Protein backbone atom coordinates (compact mmCIF):
# COMPACT_ATOMS: atom_id res chain seq x y z
CA MET A 1 -92.57 76.43 -163.68
CA LYS A 2 -92.92 80.22 -163.53
CA ASP A 3 -94.43 79.96 -160.05
CA PHE A 4 -91.43 77.94 -158.86
CA ILE A 5 -88.95 80.53 -160.19
CA LYS A 6 -91.02 83.36 -158.75
CA SER A 7 -91.19 81.67 -155.36
CA LYS A 8 -87.39 81.15 -155.36
CA ARG A 9 -86.87 84.83 -156.17
CA GLU A 10 -89.34 85.88 -153.47
CA ALA A 11 -87.67 83.60 -150.91
CA ARG A 12 -84.28 85.14 -151.67
CA PHE A 13 -85.82 88.60 -151.38
CA ARG A 14 -87.27 87.72 -147.95
CA ARG A 15 -83.88 86.37 -146.81
CA HIS A 16 -82.21 89.54 -148.08
CA GLN A 17 -84.68 91.71 -146.14
CA ARG A 18 -83.94 89.75 -142.94
CA VAL A 19 -80.18 90.18 -143.43
CA LYS A 20 -80.52 93.85 -144.40
CA ALA A 21 -82.56 94.58 -141.25
CA LYS A 22 -79.54 93.63 -139.14
CA LEU A 23 -76.95 95.48 -141.27
CA PHE A 24 -76.52 99.20 -141.77
CA GLY A 25 -73.93 100.96 -143.89
CA THR A 26 -72.52 104.40 -143.15
CA LYS A 27 -70.16 106.66 -145.05
CA ASP A 28 -67.23 105.43 -142.91
CA ARG A 29 -68.29 101.79 -143.07
CA PRO A 30 -70.53 101.18 -146.11
CA ARG A 31 -72.50 98.04 -146.86
CA LEU A 32 -70.92 95.70 -149.46
CA CYS A 33 -73.99 94.34 -151.24
CA VAL A 34 -73.75 91.33 -153.59
CA PHE A 35 -76.10 90.42 -156.44
CA ARG A 36 -75.54 87.15 -158.26
CA SER A 37 -77.24 86.30 -161.54
CA SER A 38 -76.82 83.10 -163.49
CA LYS A 39 -74.15 84.66 -165.75
CA HIS A 40 -72.72 87.63 -163.84
CA ILE A 41 -71.93 88.92 -160.37
CA TYR A 42 -72.37 92.52 -159.22
CA VAL A 43 -71.23 94.28 -156.05
CA GLN A 44 -71.97 97.73 -154.62
CA LEU A 45 -70.78 99.82 -151.70
CA ILE A 46 -73.87 101.53 -150.28
CA ASP A 47 -74.21 104.36 -147.75
CA ASP A 48 -77.57 103.63 -146.09
CA GLU A 49 -77.67 106.99 -144.23
CA LYS A 50 -77.91 108.91 -147.51
CA GLY A 51 -79.37 106.03 -149.50
CA SER A 52 -76.67 106.38 -152.14
CA THR A 53 -74.31 104.02 -153.91
CA LEU A 54 -70.65 104.93 -153.42
CA LEU A 55 -68.98 102.38 -155.72
CA THR A 56 -69.93 99.56 -158.04
CA ALA A 57 -68.11 96.71 -159.73
CA CYS A 58 -69.11 93.73 -161.82
CA ASP A 59 -67.48 90.99 -163.83
CA GLN A 60 -68.19 92.90 -167.03
CA ASN A 61 -65.74 95.61 -165.83
CA LEU A 62 -62.87 93.13 -165.75
CA LYS A 63 -60.39 93.08 -168.57
CA LYS A 64 -60.78 89.81 -170.40
CA PRO A 65 -57.52 87.89 -170.78
CA LYS A 66 -56.24 87.22 -174.26
CA ARG A 67 -56.38 83.63 -175.41
CA LYS A 68 -53.14 81.77 -175.04
CA GLU A 69 -51.63 80.16 -178.07
CA LYS A 70 -51.42 76.40 -178.01
CA LYS A 71 -47.96 75.23 -177.17
CA GLU A 72 -46.38 72.69 -179.43
CA LYS A 73 -45.88 69.19 -178.13
CA THR A 74 -42.41 67.76 -178.04
CA LYS A 75 -41.56 64.45 -179.64
CA ILE A 76 -41.30 62.76 -176.24
CA GLN A 77 -44.82 63.83 -175.30
CA ASP A 78 -46.12 62.59 -178.66
CA LYS A 79 -44.52 59.16 -178.11
CA ASN A 80 -45.91 58.90 -174.58
CA LEU A 81 -49.40 59.82 -175.78
CA ALA A 82 -49.13 57.27 -178.58
CA PHE A 83 -48.41 54.53 -176.01
CA GLY A 84 -51.22 55.71 -173.73
CA LYS A 85 -48.94 57.36 -171.19
CA ASN A 86 -49.94 60.85 -170.23
CA LEU A 87 -47.11 61.81 -167.89
CA ASP A 88 -48.34 65.33 -167.25
CA SER A 89 -51.69 64.27 -165.80
CA ARG A 90 -50.08 61.43 -163.84
CA SER A 91 -47.53 63.74 -162.23
CA ALA A 92 -50.30 66.23 -161.47
CA ARG A 93 -52.29 63.50 -159.71
CA ILE A 94 -49.26 62.50 -157.65
CA LYS A 95 -48.55 66.09 -156.60
CA LYS A 96 -52.15 66.67 -155.54
CA THR A 97 -52.35 66.32 -151.78
CA LYS A 98 -54.82 67.31 -149.11
CA GLU A 99 -52.74 70.38 -148.22
CA THR A 100 -53.14 71.95 -151.66
CA GLN A 101 -56.34 73.83 -152.28
CA LYS A 102 -58.52 73.26 -155.29
CA PRO A 103 -57.76 75.97 -157.86
CA LEU A 104 -60.55 78.39 -158.57
CA GLY A 105 -62.05 78.14 -162.02
CA GLY A 106 -64.82 79.66 -164.11
CA LYS A 107 -67.31 81.95 -162.43
CA VAL A 108 -65.77 81.47 -158.98
CA ALA A 109 -62.42 82.82 -160.18
CA ILE A 110 -64.17 85.75 -161.82
CA ALA A 111 -66.01 86.52 -158.57
CA PHE A 112 -62.67 86.49 -156.73
CA GLU A 113 -61.30 89.04 -159.23
CA VAL A 114 -64.42 91.22 -158.81
CA GLY A 115 -63.79 91.20 -155.05
CA LYS A 116 -60.24 92.39 -155.62
CA LEU A 117 -61.52 95.05 -158.03
CA ILE A 118 -64.03 96.51 -155.54
CA ALA A 119 -61.34 96.50 -152.84
CA GLU A 120 -58.99 98.39 -155.16
CA LYS A 121 -61.68 100.98 -155.97
CA ALA A 122 -62.54 101.34 -152.27
CA GLY A 123 -58.86 101.81 -151.42
CA LYS A 124 -58.71 104.76 -153.81
CA LYS A 125 -61.62 106.36 -151.91
CA LYS A 126 -59.91 105.53 -148.59
CA ILE A 127 -62.54 103.01 -147.49
CA LYS A 128 -60.99 100.17 -145.47
CA LYS A 129 -63.89 98.75 -143.44
CA VAL A 130 -67.22 97.52 -144.81
CA VAL A 131 -70.25 95.54 -143.68
CA PHE A 132 -70.75 92.45 -145.86
CA ASP A 133 -74.30 91.90 -147.16
CA ARG A 134 -74.52 88.54 -148.93
CA GLY A 135 -77.85 89.50 -150.48
CA GLY A 136 -79.86 86.50 -149.27
CA TYR A 137 -77.46 84.04 -150.91
CA LYS A 138 -75.57 81.31 -149.06
CA TYR A 139 -72.02 82.21 -148.08
CA HIS A 140 -70.69 79.63 -150.51
CA GLY A 141 -69.17 79.47 -153.99
CA ARG A 142 -69.15 82.76 -155.86
CA VAL A 143 -70.31 84.85 -152.89
CA LYS A 144 -67.56 83.40 -150.69
CA ALA A 145 -64.94 83.89 -153.43
CA LEU A 146 -65.98 87.52 -153.83
CA ALA A 147 -65.63 88.08 -150.08
CA GLU A 148 -62.20 86.42 -150.03
CA GLY A 149 -61.08 88.53 -152.99
CA ALA A 150 -62.22 91.70 -151.24
CA ARG A 151 -60.33 90.66 -148.09
CA GLU A 152 -57.21 89.93 -150.11
CA GLY A 153 -57.60 93.35 -151.77
CA GLY A 154 -57.49 95.06 -148.38
CA LEU A 155 -61.10 95.42 -147.18
CA MET A 156 -61.90 94.47 -143.61
CA PHE A 157 -65.25 92.98 -142.53
């Protein structure tokens, strides 16, 4: 089992080296490097000319939202639930169409927020353009959400 995990890590490292060979970050246009672990996601802006990290952000830097209090059910909702009618979920299913996008949830939503956070930090340092380095990961899921969050925050790549 350890060999399988090691080989996966080595394969990602080889993919990252291939991607990194084609990308180069400067002070004006740094490299936006992504690292994704099973629990967290980290992102750095790197100046490859100097070999220094300009900015960093991770999901641990985000302010955690306070838990919402449970709202009380009304008598009508209680009656409908007693008779097996859940009107809220039924109306939600009816409203769901192909035009609406699936809402982000869990780690993907957190990655989107991390992308917005790094874009905000870069904006303060007057960095608008970056080179996106996906770190050997597929451009899918959390990596894609991070990139979209950074774009929404104002970074161009």
